[in-house]
N, C-alpha and C. Protein backbone atom coordinates (compact mmCIF):
# COMPACT_ATOMS: atom_id res chain seq x y z
N MET A 1 0.83 -1.20 0.00
CA MET A 1 0.00 0.00 0.00
C MET A 1 0.86 1.25 0.00
N GLN A 2 0.37 2.27 -0.68
CA GLN A 2 1.10 3.53 -0.76
C GLN A 2 1.10 4.27 0.58
N ARG A 3 2.29 4.70 1.01
CA ARG A 3 2.44 5.39 2.28
C ARG A 3 3.21 6.69 2.04
N LYS A 4 2.90 7.72 2.82
CA LYS A 4 3.65 8.96 2.73
C LYS A 4 3.70 9.64 4.09
N ILE A 5 4.66 10.51 4.27
CA ILE A 5 4.80 11.28 5.50
C ILE A 5 4.02 12.58 5.34
N ILE A 6 3.18 12.90 6.32
CA ILE A 6 2.43 14.15 6.29
C ILE A 6 2.69 14.93 7.58
N THR A 7 2.43 16.23 7.54
CA THR A 7 2.57 17.08 8.71
C THR A 7 1.20 17.30 9.34
N THR A 8 1.08 17.05 10.65
CA THR A 8 -0.19 17.23 11.33
C THR A 8 -0.30 18.66 11.87
N ALA A 9 -1.45 18.99 12.43
CA ALA A 9 -1.76 20.37 12.79
C ALA A 9 -0.84 20.97 13.84
N ASP A 10 -0.21 20.15 14.68
CA ASP A 10 0.70 20.70 15.70
C ASP A 10 2.15 20.75 15.21
N GLY A 11 2.37 20.45 13.92
CA GLY A 11 3.71 20.51 13.35
C GLY A 11 4.44 19.19 13.33
N SER A 12 3.96 18.20 14.09
CA SER A 12 4.62 16.90 14.13
C SER A 12 4.16 16.03 12.96
N LYS A 13 5.05 15.16 12.51
CA LYS A 13 4.79 14.32 11.34
C LYS A 13 4.05 13.03 11.73
N THR A 14 3.45 12.42 10.74
CA THR A 14 2.92 11.07 10.91
C THR A 14 2.95 10.38 9.55
N ILE A 15 2.60 9.10 9.54
CA ILE A 15 2.57 8.32 8.30
C ILE A 15 1.12 8.15 7.88
N GLN A 16 0.85 8.41 6.62
CA GLN A 16 -0.49 8.21 6.07
C GLN A 16 -0.49 7.04 5.09
N ILE A 17 -1.46 6.13 5.25
CA ILE A 17 -1.67 5.05 4.28
C ILE A 17 -2.73 5.55 3.31
N GLU A 18 -2.31 5.92 2.13
CA GLU A 18 -3.19 6.61 1.20
C GLU A 18 -4.37 5.76 0.74
N ASP A 19 -4.15 4.46 0.55
CA ASP A 19 -5.24 3.59 0.09
C ASP A 19 -6.39 3.54 1.08
N TRP A 20 -6.08 3.70 2.35
CA TRP A 20 -7.11 3.64 3.40
C TRP A 20 -7.56 5.03 3.86
N ASN A 21 -6.81 6.06 3.47
CA ASN A 21 -7.00 7.40 4.04
C ASN A 21 -6.97 7.31 5.56
N GLU A 22 -5.94 6.63 6.05
CA GLU A 22 -5.77 6.38 7.49
C GLU A 22 -4.36 6.78 7.89
N GLN A 23 -4.24 7.38 9.08
CA GLN A 23 -2.94 7.84 9.57
C GLN A 23 -2.54 7.08 10.83
N TYR A 24 -1.24 7.06 11.10
CA TYR A 24 -0.75 6.47 12.34
C TYR A 24 -1.16 7.30 13.55
N HIS A 25 -1.29 8.62 13.35
CA HIS A 25 -1.69 9.52 14.43
C HIS A 25 -2.70 10.52 13.88
N SER A 26 -3.31 11.27 14.78
CA SER A 26 -4.33 12.24 14.38
C SER A 26 -3.75 13.34 13.50
N VAL A 27 -4.47 13.69 12.44
CA VAL A 27 -4.06 14.80 11.59
C VAL A 27 -4.19 16.13 12.33
N HIS A 28 -4.92 16.14 13.44
CA HIS A 28 -5.08 17.35 14.24
C HIS A 28 -3.89 17.58 15.18
N GLY A 29 -2.95 16.65 15.18
CA GLY A 29 -1.75 16.81 16.01
C GLY A 29 -1.29 15.48 16.56
N ALA A 30 -0.21 14.94 16.00
CA ALA A 30 0.28 13.63 16.44
C ALA A 30 0.75 13.66 17.89
N ILE A 31 1.60 14.63 18.23
CA ILE A 31 2.11 14.70 19.59
C ILE A 31 1.00 15.05 20.57
N GLN A 32 0.14 15.98 20.19
CA GLN A 32 -0.98 16.36 21.07
C GLN A 32 -1.86 15.16 21.40
N GLU A 33 -2.19 14.36 20.38
CA GLU A 33 -3.04 13.19 20.59
C GLU A 33 -2.38 12.18 21.51
N ALA A 34 -1.11 11.88 21.24
CA ALA A 34 -0.40 10.88 22.05
C ALA A 34 -0.30 11.31 23.50
N ASN A 35 0.01 12.57 23.73
CA ASN A 35 0.10 13.07 25.10
C ASN A 35 -1.24 13.00 25.82
N HIS A 36 -2.30 13.34 25.13
CA HIS A 36 -3.63 13.38 25.75
C HIS A 36 -4.17 11.98 26.03
N VAL A 37 -4.15 11.14 25.01
CA VAL A 37 -4.80 9.82 25.12
C VAL A 37 -3.97 8.85 25.96
N TYR A 38 -2.68 8.74 25.66
CA TYR A 38 -1.88 7.67 26.25
C TYR A 38 -1.07 8.11 27.48
N ILE A 39 -0.54 9.32 27.45
CA ILE A 39 0.24 9.76 28.60
C ILE A 39 -0.68 10.27 29.72
N LYS A 40 -1.48 11.29 29.43
CA LYS A 40 -2.33 11.88 30.47
C LYS A 40 -3.35 10.88 31.01
N HIS A 41 -4.11 10.23 30.12
CA HIS A 41 -5.21 9.38 30.57
C HIS A 41 -4.84 7.91 30.73
N GLY A 42 -3.60 7.57 30.43
CA GLY A 42 -3.13 6.20 30.62
C GLY A 42 -2.03 6.13 31.65
N LEU A 43 -0.82 6.51 31.25
CA LEU A 43 0.34 6.39 32.13
C LEU A 43 0.21 7.23 33.40
N LEU A 44 -0.09 8.52 33.25
CA LEU A 44 -0.13 9.40 34.42
C LEU A 44 -1.34 9.09 35.31
N PHE A 45 -2.45 8.71 34.69
CA PHE A 45 -3.62 8.29 35.47
C PHE A 45 -3.27 7.12 36.36
N HIS A 46 -2.59 6.12 35.79
CA HIS A 46 -2.23 4.95 36.58
C HIS A 46 -1.16 5.28 37.61
N SER A 47 -0.17 6.10 37.24
CA SER A 47 0.92 6.39 38.17
C SER A 47 0.43 7.09 39.43
N GLU A 48 -0.67 7.84 39.31
CA GLU A 48 -1.24 8.50 40.48
C GLU A 48 -1.83 7.49 41.46
N LEU A 49 -2.14 6.29 40.98
CA LEU A 49 -2.71 5.25 41.83
C LEU A 49 -1.63 4.42 42.52
N VAL A 50 -0.39 4.56 42.05
CA VAL A 50 0.71 3.74 42.56
C VAL A 50 1.25 4.36 43.86
N THR A 51 1.21 3.60 44.92
CA THR A 51 1.69 4.10 46.22
C THR A 51 3.15 3.70 46.48
N ASP A 52 3.62 2.66 45.80
CA ASP A 52 5.00 2.20 45.96
C ASP A 52 5.90 2.95 44.98
N ALA A 53 6.73 3.82 45.49
CA ALA A 53 7.59 4.64 44.63
C ALA A 53 8.59 3.80 43.83
N HIS A 54 8.85 2.59 44.29
CA HIS A 54 9.84 1.74 43.61
C HIS A 54 9.20 0.74 42.66
N LYS A 55 7.89 0.80 42.54
CA LYS A 55 7.20 -0.15 41.66
C LYS A 55 7.51 0.14 40.20
N THR A 56 7.66 -0.92 39.42
CA THR A 56 7.83 -0.78 37.98
C THR A 56 6.46 -0.86 37.32
N ILE A 57 6.15 0.12 36.48
CA ILE A 57 4.89 0.15 35.74
C ILE A 57 5.12 -0.53 34.40
N SER A 58 4.37 -1.58 34.14
CA SER A 58 4.49 -2.33 32.90
C SER A 58 3.49 -1.81 31.88
N VAL A 59 4.00 -1.37 30.73
CA VAL A 59 3.17 -0.79 29.68
C VAL A 59 3.22 -1.67 28.44
N LEU A 60 2.05 -1.94 27.87
CA LEU A 60 1.95 -2.67 26.60
C LEU A 60 1.37 -1.73 25.56
N GLU A 61 2.10 -1.56 24.46
CA GLU A 61 1.57 -0.74 23.37
C GLU A 61 1.11 -1.62 22.22
N ILE A 62 -0.14 -1.45 21.84
CA ILE A 62 -0.70 -2.18 20.71
C ILE A 62 -0.52 -1.32 19.47
N GLY A 63 0.59 -1.57 18.78
CA GLY A 63 0.96 -0.80 17.61
C GLY A 63 2.13 0.11 17.88
N PHE A 64 3.37 -0.45 17.93
CA PHE A 64 4.55 0.36 18.23
C PHE A 64 4.73 1.47 17.19
N GLY A 65 4.47 1.14 15.93
CA GLY A 65 4.40 2.14 14.87
C GLY A 65 5.58 3.08 14.78
N THR A 66 5.32 4.37 14.91
CA THR A 66 6.36 5.40 14.77
C THR A 66 7.26 5.51 15.99
N GLY A 67 6.87 4.90 17.10
CA GLY A 67 7.65 5.01 18.33
C GLY A 67 7.34 6.25 19.13
N LEU A 68 6.37 7.06 18.69
CA LEU A 68 6.06 8.30 19.39
C LEU A 68 5.57 8.04 20.81
N ASN A 69 4.66 7.09 21.00
CA ASN A 69 4.14 6.82 22.35
C ASN A 69 5.25 6.33 23.27
N ALA A 70 6.15 5.52 22.73
CA ALA A 70 7.27 5.03 23.54
C ALA A 70 8.20 6.19 23.92
N LEU A 71 8.46 7.09 22.98
CA LEU A 71 9.33 8.24 23.25
C LEU A 71 8.73 9.12 24.34
N LEU A 72 7.45 9.43 24.24
CA LEU A 72 6.81 10.28 25.25
C LEU A 72 6.78 9.59 26.61
N THR A 73 6.61 8.27 26.62
CA THR A 73 6.63 7.53 27.88
C THR A 73 8.02 7.58 28.50
N TYR A 74 9.04 7.42 27.68
CA TYR A 74 10.42 7.54 28.16
C TYR A 74 10.66 8.92 28.78
N LEU A 75 10.23 9.97 28.10
CA LEU A 75 10.46 11.33 28.60
C LEU A 75 9.77 11.56 29.94
N ASN A 76 8.56 11.01 30.10
CA ASN A 76 7.85 11.15 31.36
C ASN A 76 8.48 10.29 32.45
N ALA A 77 8.99 9.14 32.08
CA ALA A 77 9.69 8.29 33.05
C ALA A 77 10.90 9.03 33.62
N GLU A 78 11.66 9.68 32.74
CA GLU A 78 12.84 10.42 33.16
C GLU A 78 12.44 11.63 34.01
N LYS A 79 11.43 12.35 33.59
CA LYS A 79 11.00 13.57 34.28
C LYS A 79 10.46 13.27 35.66
N LEU A 80 9.64 12.20 35.77
CA LEU A 80 8.94 11.90 37.02
C LEU A 80 9.59 10.78 37.81
N ASN A 81 10.71 10.26 37.31
CA ASN A 81 11.41 9.14 37.95
C ASN A 81 10.48 7.93 38.11
N LEU A 82 9.79 7.60 37.03
CA LEU A 82 8.93 6.41 37.00
C LEU A 82 9.71 5.24 36.42
N ASN A 83 9.63 4.10 37.05
CA ASN A 83 10.27 2.90 36.50
C ASN A 83 9.31 2.24 35.52
N ILE A 84 9.71 2.19 34.25
CA ILE A 84 8.83 1.70 33.19
C ILE A 84 9.43 0.48 32.51
N ASN A 85 8.61 -0.57 32.40
CA ASN A 85 8.93 -1.74 31.59
C ASN A 85 7.98 -1.70 30.40
N TYR A 86 8.49 -1.33 29.23
CA TYR A 86 7.65 -1.02 28.06
C TYR A 86 7.76 -2.12 27.02
N THR A 87 6.61 -2.63 26.59
CA THR A 87 6.56 -3.64 25.53
C THR A 87 5.75 -3.08 24.36
N GLY A 88 6.36 -3.04 23.19
CA GLY A 88 5.66 -2.58 21.99
C GLY A 88 5.48 -3.71 21.01
N VAL A 89 4.24 -3.95 20.61
CA VAL A 89 3.93 -5.03 19.67
C VAL A 89 3.67 -4.43 18.29
N GLU A 90 4.31 -4.96 17.28
CA GLU A 90 4.17 -4.43 15.93
C GLU A 90 4.39 -5.53 14.91
N ALA A 91 3.45 -5.70 13.98
CA ALA A 91 3.60 -6.72 12.93
C ALA A 91 4.33 -6.17 11.71
N PHE A 92 4.22 -4.85 11.48
CA PHE A 92 4.80 -4.26 10.27
C PHE A 92 5.62 -3.02 10.65
N PRO A 93 6.87 -3.20 11.06
CA PRO A 93 7.70 -2.06 11.47
C PRO A 93 7.88 -1.04 10.35
N ILE A 94 8.03 0.23 10.73
CA ILE A 94 8.25 1.26 9.72
C ILE A 94 9.66 1.13 9.16
N SER A 95 9.87 1.73 8.00
CA SER A 95 11.17 1.64 7.34
C SER A 95 12.13 2.70 7.86
N SER A 96 13.41 2.50 7.60
CA SER A 96 14.42 3.48 8.02
C SER A 96 14.22 4.80 7.29
N GLU A 97 13.72 4.75 6.04
CA GLU A 97 13.44 5.97 5.29
C GLU A 97 12.31 6.76 5.93
N GLU A 98 11.29 6.08 6.41
CA GLU A 98 10.19 6.76 7.11
C GLU A 98 10.67 7.33 8.43
N LEU A 99 11.45 6.55 9.15
CA LEU A 99 11.97 7.01 10.44
C LEU A 99 12.75 8.31 10.29
N ALA A 100 13.54 8.41 9.24
CA ALA A 100 14.39 9.58 9.03
C ALA A 100 13.58 10.85 8.82
N GLN A 101 12.32 10.71 8.43
CA GLN A 101 11.48 11.88 8.15
C GLN A 101 10.61 12.30 9.33
N LEU A 102 10.60 11.51 10.40
CA LEU A 102 9.77 11.83 11.56
C LEU A 102 10.51 12.85 12.44
N ASN A 103 9.83 13.91 12.80
CA ASN A 103 10.49 15.06 13.43
C ASN A 103 10.19 15.21 14.92
N TYR A 104 9.87 14.12 15.59
CA TYR A 104 9.47 14.24 17.00
C TYR A 104 10.56 14.83 17.89
N PRO A 105 11.82 14.42 17.77
CA PRO A 105 12.83 15.03 18.64
C PRO A 105 12.93 16.55 18.47
N SER A 106 12.90 17.04 17.23
CA SER A 106 13.01 18.49 17.04
C SER A 106 11.77 19.21 17.55
N GLU A 107 10.58 18.62 17.37
CA GLU A 107 9.35 19.24 17.86
C GLU A 107 9.32 19.25 19.39
N LEU A 108 9.89 18.23 20.00
CA LEU A 108 9.93 18.14 21.46
C LEU A 108 11.16 18.82 22.05
N LYS A 109 12.03 19.31 21.14
CA LYS A 109 13.26 20.01 21.54
C LYS A 109 14.17 19.13 22.41
N ILE A 110 14.40 17.92 21.90
CA ILE A 110 15.29 16.99 22.59
C ILE A 110 16.30 16.43 21.59
N ASN A 111 17.34 15.84 22.12
CA ASN A 111 18.32 15.15 21.29
C ASN A 111 17.66 13.91 20.68
N GLY A 112 18.00 13.59 19.43
CA GLY A 112 17.35 12.47 18.75
C GLY A 112 17.95 11.11 19.04
N THR A 113 18.94 11.03 19.91
CA THR A 113 19.63 9.76 20.15
C THR A 113 18.70 8.68 20.69
N VAL A 114 17.88 9.03 21.67
CA VAL A 114 16.99 8.03 22.28
C VAL A 114 15.94 7.56 21.28
N PHE A 115 15.36 8.49 20.54
CA PHE A 115 14.35 8.10 19.55
C PHE A 115 14.94 7.13 18.54
N LYS A 116 16.15 7.39 18.10
CA LYS A 116 16.82 6.49 17.17
C LYS A 116 17.07 5.14 17.81
N ALA A 117 17.46 5.15 19.08
CA ALA A 117 17.75 3.89 19.79
C ALA A 117 16.49 3.03 19.95
N LEU A 118 15.35 3.68 20.17
CA LEU A 118 14.10 2.93 20.31
C LEU A 118 13.81 2.10 19.06
N HIS A 119 14.15 2.64 17.91
CA HIS A 119 13.89 1.95 16.65
C HIS A 119 15.01 0.98 16.27
N GLU A 120 16.22 1.32 16.59
CA GLU A 120 17.34 0.49 16.13
C GLU A 120 17.65 -0.69 17.02
N CYS A 121 17.15 -0.68 18.27
CA CYS A 121 17.42 -1.84 19.14
C CYS A 121 16.68 -3.07 18.60
N SER A 122 17.25 -4.22 18.83
CA SER A 122 16.75 -5.47 18.25
C SER A 122 15.41 -5.89 18.84
N TRP A 123 14.70 -6.70 18.07
CA TRP A 123 13.40 -7.21 18.48
C TRP A 123 13.57 -8.44 19.36
N GLU A 124 12.54 -8.69 20.17
CA GLU A 124 12.46 -9.89 21.02
C GLU A 124 13.52 -9.92 22.12
N GLU A 125 14.14 -8.78 22.42
CA GLU A 125 15.13 -8.72 23.48
C GLU A 125 14.86 -7.53 24.39
N ILE A 126 15.26 -7.65 25.64
CA ILE A 126 15.09 -6.56 26.60
C ILE A 126 16.25 -5.58 26.47
N HIS A 127 15.92 -4.29 26.37
CA HIS A 127 16.94 -3.26 26.24
C HIS A 127 16.74 -2.21 27.34
N HIS A 128 17.80 -1.89 28.05
CA HIS A 128 17.76 -0.87 29.09
C HIS A 128 18.13 0.47 28.46
N ILE A 129 17.11 1.21 28.05
CA ILE A 129 17.33 2.49 27.39
C ILE A 129 17.90 3.52 28.37
N SER A 130 17.45 3.45 29.61
CA SER A 130 17.98 4.28 30.69
C SER A 130 17.79 3.53 32.00
N GLU A 131 18.15 4.15 33.10
CA GLU A 131 18.00 3.51 34.41
C GLU A 131 16.54 3.26 34.76
N VAL A 132 15.63 4.04 34.17
CA VAL A 132 14.21 3.91 34.53
C VAL A 132 13.34 3.43 33.38
N PHE A 133 13.91 3.17 32.21
CA PHE A 133 13.08 2.79 31.05
C PHE A 133 13.68 1.57 30.36
N GLN A 134 12.89 0.50 30.36
CA GLN A 134 13.28 -0.77 29.75
C GLN A 134 12.33 -1.07 28.59
N LEU A 135 12.87 -1.42 27.43
CA LEU A 135 12.05 -1.64 26.23
C LEU A 135 12.23 -3.04 25.68
N THR A 136 11.09 -3.67 25.34
CA THR A 136 11.07 -4.92 24.59
C THR A 136 10.12 -4.73 23.41
N LYS A 137 10.62 -4.96 22.20
CA LYS A 137 9.77 -4.89 21.02
C LYS A 137 9.46 -6.31 20.55
N GLN A 138 8.18 -6.57 20.32
CA GLN A 138 7.75 -7.90 19.87
C GLN A 138 7.19 -7.80 18.46
N HIS A 139 7.79 -8.57 17.57
CA HIS A 139 7.38 -8.56 16.16
C HIS A 139 6.33 -9.66 15.94
N LYS A 140 5.05 -9.30 16.12
CA LYS A 140 4.00 -10.29 15.97
C LYS A 140 2.65 -9.59 15.79
N PHE A 141 1.62 -10.39 15.49
CA PHE A 141 0.26 -9.86 15.33
C PHE A 141 -0.40 -9.72 16.71
N PHE A 142 -1.34 -8.80 16.81
CA PHE A 142 -2.02 -8.55 18.08
C PHE A 142 -2.76 -9.79 18.57
N LYS A 143 -3.28 -10.58 17.65
CA LYS A 143 -4.05 -11.77 18.02
C LYS A 143 -3.17 -12.83 18.70
N ASP A 144 -1.86 -12.68 18.57
CA ASP A 144 -0.94 -13.66 19.15
C ASP A 144 -0.47 -13.28 20.56
N ILE A 145 -1.00 -12.19 21.10
CA ILE A 145 -0.66 -11.81 22.48
C ILE A 145 -1.34 -12.78 23.44
N SER A 146 -0.57 -13.39 24.31
CA SER A 146 -1.13 -14.43 25.19
C SER A 146 -0.80 -14.22 26.67
N GLU A 147 -0.12 -13.12 27.02
CA GLU A 147 0.24 -12.88 28.42
C GLU A 147 -1.00 -12.71 29.29
N GLU A 148 -0.87 -13.06 30.55
CA GLU A 148 -1.97 -12.89 31.50
C GLU A 148 -1.45 -12.17 32.74
N ASN A 149 -2.26 -11.22 33.24
CA ASN A 149 -1.93 -10.46 34.45
C ASN A 149 -0.50 -9.91 34.41
N SER A 150 -0.15 -9.31 33.29
CA SER A 150 1.24 -8.89 33.08
C SER A 150 1.44 -7.38 32.99
N TYR A 151 0.40 -6.62 32.67
CA TYR A 151 0.58 -5.20 32.38
C TYR A 151 -0.30 -4.31 33.25
N ASP A 152 0.25 -3.15 33.59
CA ASP A 152 -0.50 -2.14 34.35
C ASP A 152 -1.27 -1.20 33.42
N VAL A 153 -0.70 -0.93 32.25
CA VAL A 153 -1.29 0.01 31.31
C VAL A 153 -1.18 -0.55 29.90
N ILE A 154 -2.26 -0.43 29.13
CA ILE A 154 -2.24 -0.78 27.71
C ILE A 154 -2.60 0.45 26.90
N TYR A 155 -1.72 0.80 25.96
CA TYR A 155 -2.03 1.82 24.96
C TYR A 155 -2.61 1.09 23.75
N PHE A 156 -3.91 1.20 23.54
CA PHE A 156 -4.52 0.50 22.41
C PHE A 156 -4.58 1.48 21.24
N ASP A 157 -3.55 1.41 20.38
CA ASP A 157 -3.36 2.38 19.30
C ASP A 157 -3.36 1.70 17.94
N ALA A 158 -4.27 0.76 17.77
CA ALA A 158 -4.40 0.06 16.48
C ALA A 158 -5.05 0.98 15.44
N PHE A 159 -4.90 0.63 14.16
CA PHE A 159 -5.62 1.35 13.12
C PHE A 159 -7.12 1.23 13.38
N GLY A 160 -7.88 2.21 12.91
CA GLY A 160 -9.30 2.30 13.22
C GLY A 160 -10.13 1.13 12.72
N ALA A 161 -11.28 0.95 13.37
CA ALA A 161 -12.20 -0.13 13.03
C ALA A 161 -12.75 0.00 11.61
N ARG A 162 -12.75 1.20 11.07
CA ARG A 162 -13.23 1.43 9.70
C ARG A 162 -12.40 0.65 8.69
N VAL A 163 -11.09 0.56 8.92
CA VAL A 163 -10.20 -0.09 7.96
C VAL A 163 -9.71 -1.46 8.43
N GLN A 164 -9.66 -1.67 9.77
CA GLN A 164 -9.23 -2.98 10.29
C GLN A 164 -10.16 -3.42 11.43
N PRO A 165 -11.40 -3.77 11.09
CA PRO A 165 -12.37 -4.17 12.12
C PRO A 165 -11.93 -5.39 12.91
N GLU A 166 -11.07 -6.22 12.34
CA GLU A 166 -10.61 -7.44 13.02
C GLU A 166 -9.76 -7.12 14.25
N LEU A 167 -9.30 -5.88 14.38
CA LEU A 167 -8.49 -5.50 15.54
C LEU A 167 -9.34 -4.97 16.69
N TRP A 168 -10.66 -4.90 16.48
CA TRP A 168 -11.55 -4.30 17.48
C TRP A 168 -12.65 -5.27 17.88
N THR A 169 -12.33 -6.55 17.92
CA THR A 169 -13.31 -7.59 18.18
C THR A 169 -13.32 -8.00 19.65
N GLU A 170 -14.33 -8.77 20.03
CA GLU A 170 -14.41 -9.30 21.39
C GLU A 170 -13.19 -10.16 21.69
N GLU A 171 -12.73 -10.92 20.71
CA GLU A 171 -11.56 -11.79 20.93
C GLU A 171 -10.32 -10.97 21.29
N ILE A 172 -10.10 -9.87 20.58
CA ILE A 172 -8.94 -9.02 20.86
C ILE A 172 -9.04 -8.40 22.24
N PHE A 173 -10.21 -7.86 22.59
CA PHE A 173 -10.34 -7.20 23.88
C PHE A 173 -10.37 -8.20 25.04
N LYS A 174 -10.76 -9.42 24.76
CA LYS A 174 -10.66 -10.46 25.79
C LYS A 174 -9.19 -10.73 26.12
N SER A 175 -8.33 -10.73 25.09
CA SER A 175 -6.91 -10.94 25.33
C SER A 175 -6.30 -9.73 26.05
N MET A 176 -6.84 -8.53 25.78
CA MET A 176 -6.37 -7.34 26.49
C MET A 176 -6.75 -7.42 27.98
N TYR A 177 -7.97 -7.87 28.24
CA TYR A 177 -8.45 -8.01 29.62
C TYR A 177 -7.57 -8.99 30.39
N LYS A 178 -7.26 -10.11 29.75
CA LYS A 178 -6.41 -11.12 30.39
C LYS A 178 -4.99 -10.59 30.62
N ALA A 179 -4.50 -9.79 29.69
CA ALA A 179 -3.12 -9.30 29.78
C ALA A 179 -2.94 -8.29 30.90
N LEU A 180 -4.00 -7.57 31.25
CA LEU A 180 -3.91 -6.55 32.30
C LEU A 180 -3.90 -7.18 33.69
N LYS A 181 -3.16 -6.53 34.58
CA LYS A 181 -3.24 -6.87 35.99
C LYS A 181 -4.54 -6.30 36.56
N PRO A 182 -5.00 -6.78 37.73
CA PRO A 182 -6.17 -6.17 38.38
C PRO A 182 -5.92 -4.68 38.59
N ASN A 183 -6.95 -3.88 38.27
CA ASN A 183 -6.89 -2.41 38.31
C ASN A 183 -6.00 -1.82 37.22
N GLY A 184 -5.64 -2.65 36.25
CA GLY A 184 -4.91 -2.15 35.10
C GLY A 184 -5.78 -1.29 34.21
N VAL A 185 -5.14 -0.44 33.42
CA VAL A 185 -5.84 0.57 32.62
C VAL A 185 -5.56 0.37 31.14
N LEU A 186 -6.62 0.40 30.34
CA LEU A 186 -6.49 0.41 28.88
C LEU A 186 -7.04 1.74 28.37
N THR A 187 -6.27 2.42 27.54
CA THR A 187 -6.73 3.69 26.99
C THR A 187 -6.59 3.68 25.48
N THR A 188 -7.57 4.30 24.80
CA THR A 188 -7.58 4.32 23.34
C THR A 188 -8.25 5.58 22.83
N TYR A 189 -7.85 5.99 21.63
CA TYR A 189 -8.44 7.17 21.00
C TYR A 189 -9.87 6.91 20.55
N ALA A 190 -10.25 5.64 20.39
CA ALA A 190 -11.57 5.30 19.87
C ALA A 190 -12.66 5.57 20.89
N ALA A 191 -13.88 5.83 20.38
CA ALA A 191 -14.99 6.09 21.30
C ALA A 191 -16.30 5.51 20.78
N ILE A 192 -16.24 4.66 19.77
CA ILE A 192 -17.48 4.14 19.19
C ILE A 192 -18.21 3.23 20.17
N GLY A 193 -19.53 3.28 20.12
CA GLY A 193 -20.35 2.57 21.08
C GLY A 193 -20.13 1.08 21.10
N SER A 194 -19.90 0.47 19.94
CA SER A 194 -19.73 -0.99 19.88
C SER A 194 -18.48 -1.42 20.65
N VAL A 195 -17.42 -0.63 20.59
CA VAL A 195 -16.19 -0.95 21.32
C VAL A 195 -16.43 -0.80 22.82
N ARG A 196 -17.09 0.27 23.21
CA ARG A 196 -17.40 0.49 24.64
C ARG A 196 -18.24 -0.65 25.19
N ARG A 197 -19.27 -1.06 24.45
CA ARG A 197 -20.15 -2.14 24.93
C ARG A 197 -19.42 -3.48 24.99
N THR A 198 -18.54 -3.73 24.03
CA THR A 198 -17.77 -4.97 24.04
C THR A 198 -16.89 -5.04 25.27
N MET A 199 -16.20 -3.95 25.58
CA MET A 199 -15.32 -3.93 26.75
C MET A 199 -16.12 -4.07 28.05
N GLN A 200 -17.26 -3.42 28.11
CA GLN A 200 -18.11 -3.54 29.30
C GLN A 200 -18.58 -4.97 29.49
N ALA A 201 -18.95 -5.64 28.41
CA ALA A 201 -19.43 -7.02 28.49
C ALA A 201 -18.34 -7.98 28.98
N LEU A 202 -17.09 -7.61 28.75
CA LEU A 202 -15.98 -8.46 29.19
C LEU A 202 -15.57 -8.20 30.63
N GLY A 203 -16.14 -7.16 31.24
CA GLY A 203 -15.84 -6.88 32.64
C GLY A 203 -15.10 -5.59 32.90
N PHE A 204 -14.75 -4.86 31.83
CA PHE A 204 -14.10 -3.57 32.02
C PHE A 204 -15.07 -2.54 32.59
N GLU A 205 -14.53 -1.65 33.39
CA GLU A 205 -15.24 -0.45 33.81
C GLU A 205 -14.81 0.65 32.85
N VAL A 206 -15.72 1.14 32.03
CA VAL A 206 -15.35 2.00 30.91
C VAL A 206 -15.83 3.44 31.12
N GLU A 207 -14.93 4.39 30.87
CA GLU A 207 -15.27 5.81 30.91
C GLU A 207 -15.13 6.40 29.51
N ARG A 208 -16.06 7.27 29.15
CA ARG A 208 -15.90 8.05 27.92
C ARG A 208 -15.42 9.44 28.34
N LEU A 209 -14.22 9.80 27.89
CA LEU A 209 -13.56 11.04 28.30
C LEU A 209 -13.49 12.01 27.13
N GLN A 210 -13.20 13.26 27.45
CA GLN A 210 -12.98 14.25 26.40
C GLN A 210 -11.80 13.83 25.55
N GLY A 211 -11.96 13.90 24.24
CA GLY A 211 -10.92 13.47 23.34
C GLY A 211 -9.84 14.51 23.13
N PRO A 212 -8.81 14.17 22.36
CA PRO A 212 -7.75 15.13 22.03
C PRO A 212 -8.27 16.15 21.02
N PRO A 213 -7.48 17.17 20.69
CA PRO A 213 -7.92 18.15 19.70
C PRO A 213 -8.43 17.48 18.42
N GLY A 214 -9.59 17.92 17.96
CA GLY A 214 -10.17 17.39 16.73
C GLY A 214 -11.05 16.17 16.93
N LYS A 215 -11.15 15.67 18.17
CA LYS A 215 -11.97 14.48 18.43
C LYS A 215 -12.77 14.70 19.71
N ARG A 216 -14.07 14.41 19.64
CA ARG A 216 -14.93 14.73 20.77
C ARG A 216 -14.66 13.86 21.99
N HIS A 217 -14.53 12.54 21.77
CA HIS A 217 -14.40 11.61 22.90
C HIS A 217 -13.30 10.58 22.68
N MET A 218 -12.93 9.90 23.76
CA MET A 218 -12.02 8.76 23.77
C MET A 218 -12.48 7.83 24.88
N LEU A 219 -11.88 6.65 24.97
CA LEU A 219 -12.28 5.68 26.01
C LEU A 219 -11.11 5.30 26.89
N ARG A 220 -11.44 5.14 28.17
CA ARG A 220 -10.50 4.56 29.14
C ARG A 220 -11.22 3.44 29.89
N ALA A 221 -10.59 2.27 29.96
CA ALA A 221 -11.19 1.11 30.60
C ALA A 221 -10.28 0.59 31.70
N VAL A 222 -10.88 0.20 32.81
CA VAL A 222 -10.13 -0.32 33.96
C VAL A 222 -10.60 -1.73 34.26
N LYS A 223 -9.67 -2.63 34.51
CA LYS A 223 -9.98 -4.01 34.88
C LYS A 223 -10.17 -4.07 36.39
N ARG A 224 -11.42 -4.13 36.82
CA ARG A 224 -11.72 -4.21 38.25
C ARG A 224 -11.81 -5.64 38.72
């Protein structure tokens, strides 16, 4: 499928799949969306519930993609001294040519070394990016996730149900429920009623929250 790099409304780049008219991040602002949906309402929401300062927060990202969510999580881990064990699942990694065109370090006004390291480190191995951030990238399909009671936070950042409905099924969300620890949090940019009802039927406690710029709502689900 034809892919190209586009600039979103906040100046940050993303990848567009032209055949689907679908982007890796919101056209209204890639960095803004990631910070709002995954950092504010996922990572930081959960970290406020953590009473043990030495606890490691395990994060699972569904769709490692451009690495933006991982980069922002790393930056917050360093800033807030959060111990993060980050797992990114991706079936179709981006190319080195695409990576070279993504401008997240310059937009965030940081050195690009860490962002490059997130992409260049090998798959299926644990990498200590810093003293507080550990990364494992898994090259596989979402349906092959089989962990149970393993994660505190899930960033569900799959392509939309309009183009890949198979990623938004009861089977997928059942595996997400199993993968979360008790009181674990799943956050996603999606807000469609069918997804909310599916998660509720599986036992999630689901909130519909204000969405990022350009989107009215998003969902956050907690495994009670």
